[in-house]
Amino acid sequence: MITPRYQTDKITVLVTILFLFALLTLRAKDFWEEKPFTYWNEKEAYKILSDSPWGKSQNVSLLGNESDFREVRQESPGVPPTASAGGARGTAGGDVRSDPTAGRGGAAAGRPGYGGEPGALSRSAPFQISWYSSVKVRQAMGRLGQLHGKLSTEQINDFAQQPMENYVIAISGSMMKPFEQASLESLKAKTFLLSKKDKKKKIELKEYMSPKDGKDGMALFVFPRTADGKPLLDVVDDEAQFVTEQEPLRIKVSFKLSKMMIDGKLDI
């Protein structure tokens, strides 16, 4: 016969187990919190660039009519570029363009997870959008450069920690031709950083660097970081949304700012 005390003890044990499980779940940390970036493996570095608070993957539908896609062909699956020791081209607020990984094809090199047959007609294309001016993204790129034998620890530390006076968003993917044809003038009216909380806040594009201007295959979108000495984005904005349009592409991606904190500071 089951006594009331036995039932109470059983319930207590069950509640304790559930509490401990919930506690462990709450305390679980992401790999970028648990270990230095110099210990990340290749998969982890790619995750920062494509599936993290700082990097997103997006399959972008192509705008226009069927006839507009006759010449649009999907190339090899995209991959985020890596940093290399070749130095960087500068822009306002520090160097934002690094050389590609030699022999890997830059943004057109293969990476698991994108699929698609080269030369196949497609009405969508995969892209990766990352917050390039964040330390975490540059750490990931530097770590990939190190894993591919191009950078020393000192070089990737210098690359990751260089001051970035502006916000910089990077796009890489399998169909970069529209961005190669773009210019600051053609993008400015349709490219912004927006605040989720403050609907009136619209940060305009300040500078644009085309993929054809570098060997890394990235398009770089530069926005001012401050106005009157104050940051234009903060955690109170909740999310920052990056929007750009260059026919036949329209990209819209959101970044949760509270998830982009490192040591109590916003890493963007």
Protein backbone atom coordinates (compact mmCIF):
# COMPACT_ATOMS: atom_id res chain seq x y z
CA MET A 1 0.00 0.00 0.00
CA ILE A 2 1.34 3.40 -1.00
CA THR A 3 1.46 5.75 1.96
CA PRO A 4 0.84 9.50 1.74
CA ARG A 5 4.42 10.10 2.88
CA TYR A 6 5.76 7.94 0.03
CA GLN A 7 3.71 9.93 -2.46
CA THR A 8 4.95 13.21 -0.97
CA ASP A 9 8.58 12.08 -1.15
CA LYS A 10 8.11 10.99 -4.76
CA ILE A 11 6.64 14.34 -5.72
CA THR A 12 9.46 16.16 -3.91
CA VAL A 13 12.10 14.17 -5.80
CA LEU A 14 10.35 14.84 -9.12
CA VAL A 15 10.07 18.56 -8.44
CA THR A 16 13.75 18.68 -7.45
CA ILE A 17 14.79 16.93 -10.67
CA LEU A 18 12.69 19.29 -12.77
CA PHE A 19 14.13 22.30 -10.94
CA LEU A 20 17.71 21.14 -11.48
CA PHE A 21 17.01 20.46 -15.16
CA ALA A 22 15.53 23.94 -15.59
CA LEU A 23 18.50 25.45 -13.76
CA LEU A 24 20.99 23.67 -16.00
CA THR A 25 19.05 24.76 -19.08
CA LEU A 26 19.05 28.38 -17.97
CA ARG A 27 22.76 28.30 -17.26
CA ALA A 28 23.73 26.65 -20.54
CA LYS A 29 26.05 28.93 -22.46
CA ASP A 30 26.73 29.26 -26.15
CA PHE A 31 30.16 28.19 -27.35
CA TRP A 32 31.24 31.80 -27.94
CA GLU A 33 30.71 32.43 -24.22
CA GLU A 34 32.41 29.25 -23.06
CA LYS A 35 35.72 29.38 -24.89
CA PRO A 36 38.06 31.87 -26.57
CA PHE A 37 37.56 32.34 -30.30
CA THR A 38 41.04 30.94 -30.96
CA TYR A 39 39.61 27.57 -29.87
CA TRP A 40 36.56 27.63 -32.14
CA ASN A 41 36.44 24.92 -34.78
CA GLU A 42 35.47 25.64 -38.38
CA LYS A 43 31.81 24.76 -37.85
CA GLU A 44 31.57 27.11 -34.88
CA ALA A 45 33.22 29.98 -36.75
CA TYR A 46 30.80 29.53 -39.65
CA LYS A 47 27.90 29.46 -37.19
CA ILE A 48 28.83 32.93 -35.95
CA LEU A 49 28.62 34.20 -39.53
CA SER A 50 25.43 32.45 -40.57
CA ASP A 51 23.37 31.31 -37.55
CA SER A 52 23.98 33.47 -34.50
CA PRO A 53 22.90 36.83 -33.07
CA TRP A 54 25.52 38.45 -35.36
CA GLY A 55 25.00 36.46 -38.55
CA LYS A 56 21.95 35.23 -40.44
CA SER A 57 21.29 33.01 -43.44
CA GLN A 58 18.44 33.92 -45.74
CA ASN A 59 17.06 32.43 -48.92
CA VAL A 60 16.02 35.53 -50.84
CA SER A 61 13.22 35.45 -53.38
CA LEU A 62 14.04 37.26 -56.60
CA LEU A 63 11.78 40.14 -57.54
CA GLY A 64 10.19 40.59 -60.94
CA ASN A 65 8.45 38.56 -63.64
CA GLU A 66 9.40 35.18 -65.05
CA SER A 67 11.15 36.82 -67.99
CA ASP A 68 13.44 38.67 -65.58
CA PHE A 69 15.02 35.39 -64.46
CA ARG A 70 16.09 33.94 -67.79
CA GLU A 71 19.64 35.15 -67.22
CA VAL A 72 19.69 34.55 -63.46
CA ARG A 73 21.60 31.37 -62.72
CA GLN A 74 22.51 30.07 -59.31
CA GLU A 75 26.24 29.70 -58.85
CA SER A 76 28.08 27.52 -56.36
CA PRO A 77 26.74 27.71 -52.79
CA GLY A 78 27.92 30.77 -50.89
CA VAL A 79 30.32 30.84 -47.98
CA PRO A 80 31.35 33.70 -45.74
CA PRO A 81 34.85 34.92 -46.62
CA THR A 82 37.69 34.54 -44.18
CA ALA A 83 40.29 37.07 -43.15
CA SER A 84 43.82 36.67 -44.39
CA ALA A 85 47.15 38.28 -43.71
CA GLY A 86 47.08 40.44 -46.83
CA GLY A 87 45.93 43.60 -45.10
CA ALA A 88 42.70 45.48 -45.56
CA ARG A 89 41.32 48.34 -47.57
CA GLY A 90 40.30 51.19 -45.36
CA THR A 91 37.12 53.18 -45.05
CA ALA A 92 35.87 55.75 -42.58
CA GLY A 93 36.39 54.26 -39.15
CA GLY A 94 38.97 51.56 -39.75
CA ASP A 95 39.72 48.79 -42.21
CA VAL A 96 36.62 46.90 -43.24
CA ARG A 97 37.79 44.89 -46.23
CA SER A 98 40.04 41.87 -45.83
CA ASP A 99 41.65 39.72 -48.48
CA PRO A 100 39.94 36.40 -49.25
CA THR A 101 41.13 32.93 -48.49
CA ALA A 102 43.28 32.06 -51.48
CA GLY A 103 42.12 29.08 -53.46
CA ARG A 104 38.69 28.82 -51.79
CA GLY A 105 36.75 31.04 -54.11
CA GLY A 106 35.69 33.70 -51.59
CA ALA A 107 31.93 33.97 -51.32
CA ALA A 108 31.39 31.41 -54.05
CA ALA A 109 33.23 28.57 -52.37
CA GLY A 110 31.31 25.52 -51.25
CA ARG A 111 29.75 25.19 -47.83
CA PRO A 112 27.40 22.52 -46.55
CA GLY A 113 23.81 23.55 -46.16
CA TYR A 114 23.12 25.53 -49.31
CA GLY A 115 22.71 22.92 -52.02
CA GLY A 116 21.69 23.78 -55.56
CA GLU A 117 23.17 22.67 -58.84
CA PRO A 118 25.55 25.08 -60.55
CA GLY A 119 23.88 26.63 -63.59
CA ALA A 120 20.35 25.73 -62.48
CA LEU A 121 17.65 28.36 -63.02
CA SER A 122 16.42 29.63 -59.67
CA ARG A 123 13.88 32.16 -58.39
CA SER A 124 15.68 32.49 -55.09
CA ALA A 125 19.27 32.73 -53.92
CA PRO A 126 20.98 32.06 -50.57
CA PHE A 127 22.73 34.89 -48.77
CA GLN A 128 24.49 35.43 -45.48
CA ILE A 129 24.12 38.75 -43.70
CA SER A 130 26.49 39.51 -40.84
CA TRP A 131 27.19 42.46 -38.58
CA TYR A 132 30.75 42.90 -39.82
CA SER A 133 31.68 45.73 -37.45
CA SER A 134 31.06 43.48 -34.43
CA VAL A 135 34.08 41.94 -32.76
CA LYS A 136 32.45 38.49 -32.84
CA VAL A 137 32.09 38.43 -36.64
CA ARG A 138 35.66 39.56 -37.17
CA GLN A 139 36.84 36.98 -34.65
CA ALA A 140 35.04 34.29 -36.67
CA MET A 141 36.56 35.47 -39.93
CA GLY A 142 39.97 35.69 -38.33
CA ARG A 143 39.63 32.22 -36.85
CA LEU A 144 38.73 30.79 -40.26
CA GLY A 145 41.79 32.49 -41.68
CA GLN A 146 43.86 30.89 -38.95
CA LEU A 147 42.36 27.44 -39.56
CA HIS A 148 43.15 27.79 -43.26
CA GLY A 149 46.78 28.59 -42.40
CA LYS A 150 46.74 32.26 -43.29
CA LEU A 151 46.80 34.12 -39.99
CA SER A 152 48.71 34.00 -36.73
CA THR A 153 46.96 34.58 -33.40
CA GLU A 154 48.51 38.05 -33.22
CA GLN A 155 47.18 38.93 -36.68
CA ILE A 156 43.64 37.80 -35.95
CA ASN A 157 43.64 39.68 -32.66
CA ASP A 158 44.70 42.84 -34.49
CA PHE A 159 42.03 42.25 -37.14
CA ALA A 160 39.25 41.57 -34.62
CA GLN A 161 40.07 44.43 -32.26
CA GLN A 162 40.65 47.25 -34.75
CA PRO A 163 38.37 50.22 -33.98
CA MET A 164 35.22 50.46 -36.10
CA GLU A 165 33.74 53.95 -36.01
CA ASN A 166 30.79 52.93 -38.17
CA TYR A 167 28.28 50.10 -38.26
CA VAL A 168 29.13 47.76 -41.12
CA ILE A 169 26.83 45.05 -42.51
CA ALA A 170 28.33 42.42 -44.84
CA ILE A 171 26.47 40.37 -47.43
CA SER A 172 27.91 37.32 -49.16
CA GLY A 173 26.12 34.72 -51.24
CA SER A 174 25.67 32.85 -54.45
CA MET A 175 24.38 35.70 -56.62
CA MET A 176 26.37 38.84 -56.03
CA LYS A 177 26.12 40.35 -59.51
CA PRO A 178 23.32 42.79 -58.55
CA PHE A 179 25.54 44.14 -55.78
CA GLU A 180 28.49 44.36 -58.16
CA GLN A 181 26.36 46.60 -60.34
CA ALA A 182 25.15 48.68 -57.40
CA SER A 183 26.52 52.01 -56.20
CA LEU A 184 26.01 54.23 -53.20
CA GLU A 185 23.63 56.34 -55.27
CA SER A 186 21.50 53.39 -56.41
CA LEU A 187 21.31 51.89 -52.91
CA LYS A 188 20.91 54.93 -50.69
CA ALA A 189 17.18 55.42 -51.17
CA LYS A 190 16.39 51.78 -50.32
CA THR A 191 19.03 50.80 -47.75
CA PHE A 192 18.62 51.50 -44.02
CA LEU A 193 19.10 50.35 -40.47
CA LEU A 194 15.79 50.58 -38.61
CA SER A 195 14.81 50.40 -34.95
CA LYS A 196 11.98 48.10 -33.90
CA LYS A 197 11.02 50.30 -30.95
CA ASP A 198 11.52 53.73 -32.46
CA LYS A 199 9.67 53.72 -35.76
CA LYS A 200 11.01 57.18 -36.59
CA LYS A 201 14.62 56.03 -36.39
CA LYS A 202 16.06 55.38 -39.84
CA ILE A 203 19.85 55.26 -40.21
CA GLU A 204 20.83 56.06 -43.77
CA LEU A 205 23.59 54.40 -45.77
CA LYS A 206 26.84 56.35 -45.53
CA GLU A 207 29.20 54.34 -47.72
CA TYR A 208 29.07 51.26 -49.93
CA MET A 209 31.84 48.87 -50.95
CA SER A 210 31.07 46.63 -53.92
CA PRO A 211 32.11 42.96 -54.09
CA LYS A 212 34.03 43.74 -57.28
CA ASP A 213 36.28 46.12 -55.34
CA GLY A 214 37.73 43.30 -53.27
CA LYS A 215 38.60 39.63 -53.64
CA ASP A 216 36.55 38.46 -50.68
CA GLY A 217 33.22 38.57 -52.56
CA MET A 218 31.44 40.62 -49.90
CA ALA A 219 29.22 43.65 -50.28
CA LEU A 220 29.79 46.04 -47.37
CA PHE A 221 27.19 48.56 -46.20
CA VAL A 222 28.51 51.31 -43.92
CA PHE A 223 26.25 53.32 -41.59
CA PRO A 224 27.12 56.07 -39.08
CA ARG A 225 27.48 54.76 -35.53
CA THR A 226 26.88 57.99 -33.62
CA ALA A 227 25.09 61.31 -33.87
CA ASP A 228 25.91 64.20 -31.52
CA GLY A 229 28.28 61.87 -29.69
CA LYS A 230 25.58 59.30 -28.87
CA PRO A 231 25.19 55.79 -30.36
CA LEU A 232 22.37 55.57 -32.88
CA LEU A 233 21.44 52.05 -31.75
CA ASP A 234 21.11 50.68 -28.24
CA VAL A 235 19.52 47.73 -26.47
CA VAL A 236 16.39 49.81 -25.89
CA ASP A 237 15.75 49.61 -29.65
CA ASP A 238 15.10 45.86 -29.11
CA GLU A 239 15.90 44.88 -32.69
CA ALA A 240 17.88 46.48 -35.49
CA GLN A 241 16.56 45.69 -38.94
CA PHE A 242 18.77 45.87 -42.01
CA VAL A 243 16.94 46.52 -45.27
CA THR A 244 18.37 46.84 -48.76
CA GLU A 245 17.01 46.51 -52.27
CA GLN A 246 18.88 46.12 -55.52
CA GLU A 247 16.83 44.49 -58.25
CA PRO A 248 16.10 41.64 -58.41
CA LEU A 249 16.94 41.32 -54.71
CA ARG A 250 15.29 42.66 -51.58
CA ILE A 251 16.87 41.67 -48.28
CA LYS A 252 15.36 42.31 -44.87
CA VAL A 253 16.88 40.79 -41.74
CA SER A 254 16.51 41.54 -38.03
CA PHE A 255 19.14 41.39 -35.29
CA LYS A 256 18.08 41.00 -31.65
CA LEU A 257 20.28 43.55 -29.89
CA SER A 258 19.95 42.06 -26.40
CA LYS A 259 21.52 38.86 -27.74
CA MET A 260 24.52 40.77 -29.10
CA MET A 261 25.93 41.67 -25.71
CA ILE A 262 29.50 40.76 -24.74
CA ASP A 263 30.72 41.49 -21.21
CA GLY A 264 27.78 43.80 -20.68
CA LYS A 265 28.45 45.83 -23.83
CA LEU A 266 26.63 45.86 -27.14
CA ASP A 267 28.87 44.24 -29.76
CA ILE A 268 27.79 45.78 -33.03
